[in-house]
């Protein structure tokens, strides 16, 4: 009878533990909101960090997402051009006597493309600054101090455009 009583107490204890767990799960605040919405987890990547740090409201977030989409499209075009230019540039080395005039021309085009990337990014952040309300500008200034680190280490961040590294791109 002693074992029966012990088993009864164990079953009652486990039943109470299960009920407590179910009660906790049913009554706790839910984080089931879609990413990026108030009360939900932030979306991944630099965009989420910028939205969070600048405390953008819903209207600002919508405008910001439009800016990000445009910026990504323009960045992709410049990245494609960069890759093409680097491919052509390094392909000149396949000849016994590389065409130095063509190499210099491509080098200038690569530099112009890199300048366009820098100007695109500068304009993008100027547009983000323009979205900020006056009380958000100090947070924007702090964000600028962290930009390099932010984009290098953010989840989902991609490396720079092809050709932004020190070595030649892989040949096709």
Protein backbone atom coordinates (compact mmCIF):
# COMPACT_ATOMS: atom_id res chain seq x y z
CA UNK A 1 0.00 0.00 0.00
CA UNK A 2 2.96 2.29 0.63
CA UNK A 3 4.02 1.97 -3.05
CA UNK A 4 0.49 2.67 -4.24
CA UNK A 5 0.35 5.86 -2.17
CA UNK A 6 3.78 6.95 -3.51
CA UNK A 7 2.69 6.34 -7.12
CA UNK A 8 -0.56 8.24 -6.49
CA UNK A 9 1.37 11.26 -5.17
CA UNK A 10 3.79 11.10 -8.12
CA UNK A 11 0.92 11.04 -10.64
CA UNK A 12 -0.85 13.93 -8.85
CA UNK A 13 2.41 15.91 -8.76
CA UNK A 14 3.08 15.36 -12.46
CA UNK A 15 -0.51 16.27 -13.29
CA UNK A 16 -0.19 19.54 -11.35
CA UNK A 17 3.14 20.28 -13.04
CA UNK A 18 1.58 19.72 -16.48
CA UNK A 19 -1.41 21.91 -15.63
CA UNK A 20 0.92 24.65 -14.40
CA UNK A 21 2.95 24.48 -17.61
CA UNK A 22 -0.16 24.62 -19.77
CA UNK A 23 -1.51 27.53 -17.70
CA UNK A 24 1.76 29.44 -18.13
CA UNK A 25 1.75 28.87 -21.89
CA UNK A 26 -1.89 29.92 -22.19
CA UNK A 27 -1.59 33.08 -20.06
CA UNK A 28 1.82 34.46 -21.03
CA UNK A 29 2.08 37.39 -23.47
CA UNK A 30 2.39 36.08 -26.97
CA UNK A 31 5.19 37.05 -29.36
CA UNK A 32 3.31 35.77 -32.37
CA UNK A 33 3.17 39.08 -34.19
CA UNK A 34 4.80 39.22 -37.61
CA UNK A 35 8.39 40.46 -37.62
CA UNK A 36 8.74 44.24 -37.67
CA UNK A 37 5.33 45.00 -36.19
CA UNK A 38 4.95 46.48 -32.70
CA UNK A 39 4.98 43.71 -30.13
CA UNK A 40 6.65 41.28 -32.50
CA UNK A 41 10.27 40.34 -33.05
CA UNK A 42 12.26 42.67 -35.26
CA UNK A 43 12.98 41.51 -38.82
CA UNK A 44 16.51 40.30 -39.50
CA UNK A 45 19.33 42.35 -40.91
CA UNK A 46 20.49 45.95 -40.97
CA UNK A 47 17.01 47.27 -41.80
CA UNK A 48 15.66 45.90 -38.52
CA UNK A 49 18.53 47.41 -36.57
CA UNK A 50 18.02 50.80 -38.20
CA UNK A 51 14.25 50.73 -37.57
CA UNK A 52 14.85 49.73 -33.97
CA UNK A 53 17.62 52.22 -33.25
CA UNK A 54 15.78 55.14 -34.82
CA UNK A 55 12.44 54.07 -33.33
CA UNK A 56 10.61 54.58 -36.61
CA UNK A 57 6.82 54.66 -36.41
CA UNK A 58 4.72 52.68 -38.90
CA UNK A 59 4.60 55.48 -41.49
CA UNK A 60 8.36 55.98 -41.29
CA UNK A 61 8.89 52.22 -41.57
CA UNK A 62 6.81 52.09 -44.75
CA UNK A 63 8.78 54.97 -46.28
CA UNK A 64 12.03 53.39 -45.13
CA UNK A 65 11.16 50.04 -46.73
CA UNK A 66 10.50 51.85 -50.03
CA UNK A 67 13.91 53.50 -49.77
CA UNK A 68 15.55 50.15 -48.98
CA UNK A 69 13.91 48.48 -51.99
CA UNK A 70 15.11 51.22 -54.33
CA UNK A 71 18.58 51.15 -52.78
CA UNK A 72 18.83 47.37 -53.14
CA UNK A 73 17.86 47.55 -56.81
CA UNK A 74 20.39 50.27 -57.57
CA UNK A 75 23.06 48.45 -55.52
CA UNK A 76 22.42 45.23 -57.41
CA UNK A 77 22.86 47.00 -60.75
CA UNK A 78 26.14 48.52 -59.59
CA UNK A 79 27.31 45.17 -58.20
CA UNK A 80 26.58 43.50 -61.53
CA UNK A 81 28.51 46.20 -63.36
CA UNK A 82 31.38 45.86 -60.90
CA UNK A 83 31.53 42.12 -61.45
CA UNK A 84 31.45 42.53 -65.22
CA UNK A 85 34.18 45.19 -65.18
CA UNK A 86 36.42 43.09 -62.93
CA UNK A 87 35.91 40.02 -65.10
CA UNK A 88 36.91 41.99 -68.20
CA UNK A 89 39.83 43.61 -66.36
CA UNK A 90 41.38 40.35 -65.14
CA UNK A 91 40.63 38.55 -68.38
CA UNK A 92 43.15 40.92 -70.01
CA UNK A 93 45.81 38.93 -68.15
CA UNK A 94 45.02 35.83 -70.20
CA UNK A 95 46.90 37.35 -73.14
CA UNK A 96 50.66 37.16 -73.44
CA UNK A 97 50.76 40.95 -73.86
CA UNK A 98 47.83 42.50 -71.96
CA UNK A 99 46.36 45.62 -73.55
CA UNK A 100 47.50 48.34 -71.14
CA UNK A 101 45.22 50.97 -72.64
CA UNK A 102 42.20 48.69 -72.11
CA UNK A 103 43.43 47.91 -68.58
CA UNK A 104 43.68 51.61 -67.75
CA UNK A 105 40.24 52.27 -69.21
CA UNK A 106 38.70 49.42 -67.23
CA UNK A 107 40.52 50.56 -64.11
CA UNK A 108 38.96 54.02 -64.49
CA UNK A 109 35.52 52.45 -65.04
CA UNK A 110 35.95 50.32 -61.91
CA UNK A 111 36.89 53.43 -59.93
CA UNK A 112 33.89 55.32 -61.32
CA UNK A 113 31.63 52.41 -60.35
CA UNK A 114 33.04 52.37 -56.81
CA UNK A 115 32.45 56.12 -56.63
CA UNK A 116 28.86 55.55 -57.74
CA UNK A 117 28.43 52.94 -54.97
CA UNK A 118 29.75 55.38 -52.36
CA UNK A 119 27.51 58.18 -53.65
CA UNK A 120 24.49 55.87 -53.74
CA UNK A 121 25.07 54.85 -50.11
CA UNK A 122 25.60 58.46 -49.05
CA UNK A 123 22.37 59.55 -50.73
CA UNK A 124 20.53 56.60 -49.18
CA UNK A 125 21.55 57.61 -45.67
CA UNK A 126 20.73 61.24 -46.41
CA UNK A 127 17.24 60.04 -47.32
CA UNK A 128 17.03 58.04 -44.09
CA UNK A 129 18.09 61.15 -42.16
CA UNK A 130 15.34 63.10 -43.89
CA UNK A 131 12.81 60.55 -42.58
CA UNK A 132 13.84 61.25 -38.99
CA UNK A 133 11.91 63.57 -36.72
CA UNK A 134 14.05 66.09 -34.81
CA UNK A 135 14.05 63.95 -31.65
CA UNK A 136 15.39 60.98 -33.69
CA UNK A 137 18.40 62.85 -35.08
CA UNK A 138 20.70 62.14 -32.09
CA UNK A 139 20.01 58.40 -32.57
CA UNK A 140 20.77 58.80 -36.28
CA UNK A 141 24.10 60.44 -35.45
CA UNK A 142 24.97 57.55 -33.11
CA UNK A 143 23.94 55.13 -35.84
CA UNK A 144 26.37 56.76 -38.28
CA UNK A 145 29.20 56.07 -35.85
CA UNK A 146 28.35 52.36 -35.94
CA UNK A 147 27.54 51.92 -39.64
CA UNK A 148 30.64 50.03 -40.68
CA UNK A 149 30.35 47.62 -37.78
CA UNK A 150 26.57 47.38 -38.18
CA UNK A 151 26.64 46.28 -41.81
CA UNK A 152 29.64 44.02 -41.49
CA UNK A 153 28.23 41.99 -38.59
CA UNK A 154 24.46 42.22 -38.98
CA UNK A 155 22.53 39.01 -39.47
CA UNK A 156 21.76 38.52 -43.12
CA UNK A 157 24.33 41.10 -44.20
CA UNK A 158 26.01 40.19 -47.43
CA UNK A 159 29.59 40.93 -48.37
CA UNK A 160 30.21 43.94 -50.56
CA UNK A 161 29.78 43.85 -54.30
CA UNK A 162 31.98 41.53 -56.30
CA UNK A 163 35.30 43.19 -56.88
CA UNK A 164 35.22 45.05 -53.57
CA UNK A 165 37.81 42.62 -52.21
CA UNK A 166 41.54 42.78 -52.69
CA UNK A 167 42.00 39.84 -55.02
CA UNK A 168 40.74 39.07 -58.48
CA UNK A 169 37.27 37.57 -58.83
CA UNK A 170 37.01 33.93 -59.90
CA UNK A 171 37.23 33.53 -63.66
CA UNK A 172 34.19 32.10 -65.48
